[in-house]
Amino acid sequence: MSDYIFGFGSIMNTSTHATWQTPSDKNTSIPGAVATIKREFGYKRKWNFRSSTGFTALGVSPAESREEAGEINGVVYRVSREEMPNFDRREVGYEKVKVPLDMLVFHPEISGTSEQTQFTFGPEDTVWLYV
């Protein structure tokens, strides 16, 4: 049983994981696979205002209609069960939503075909999206 995150933007930047990483972990790359969440999932990209300091982030939110929903591009990467609470704390204020595997399209022509970018999902595996 594995957890995966569908990420885009700063969540993929390992320097923002510094609060729980050891010095040897910092600035390392996270192997992942380029993927698209299908329009049928019912979400859209949206500028979200999260901070009282004026910080603005491009995020994802539920679409109000099927026509408003769109494809969402990102990267799927594996996260250990032990690390998931760290990502949950990092993404405080966001809701963690399960993405059904049939709502994902992978792009090996972009990611490559190495073992690090090709995942074989089992029935107990979960892909999460923070919205």
Foldseek 3Di string as FASTA:
>chain_A
DWEKEFDDPPVQQQCLLVVPDDPVPHPDHFQWFKKKFALVVAKDWDWDQDDPVRDIDTFMDGHPDSVRGHIDIGIMGTDGPVCVVSVCVSLPVWDKDWRPPVRMDTDCVPSPDDPSHDDDDDPPYTYIYTD
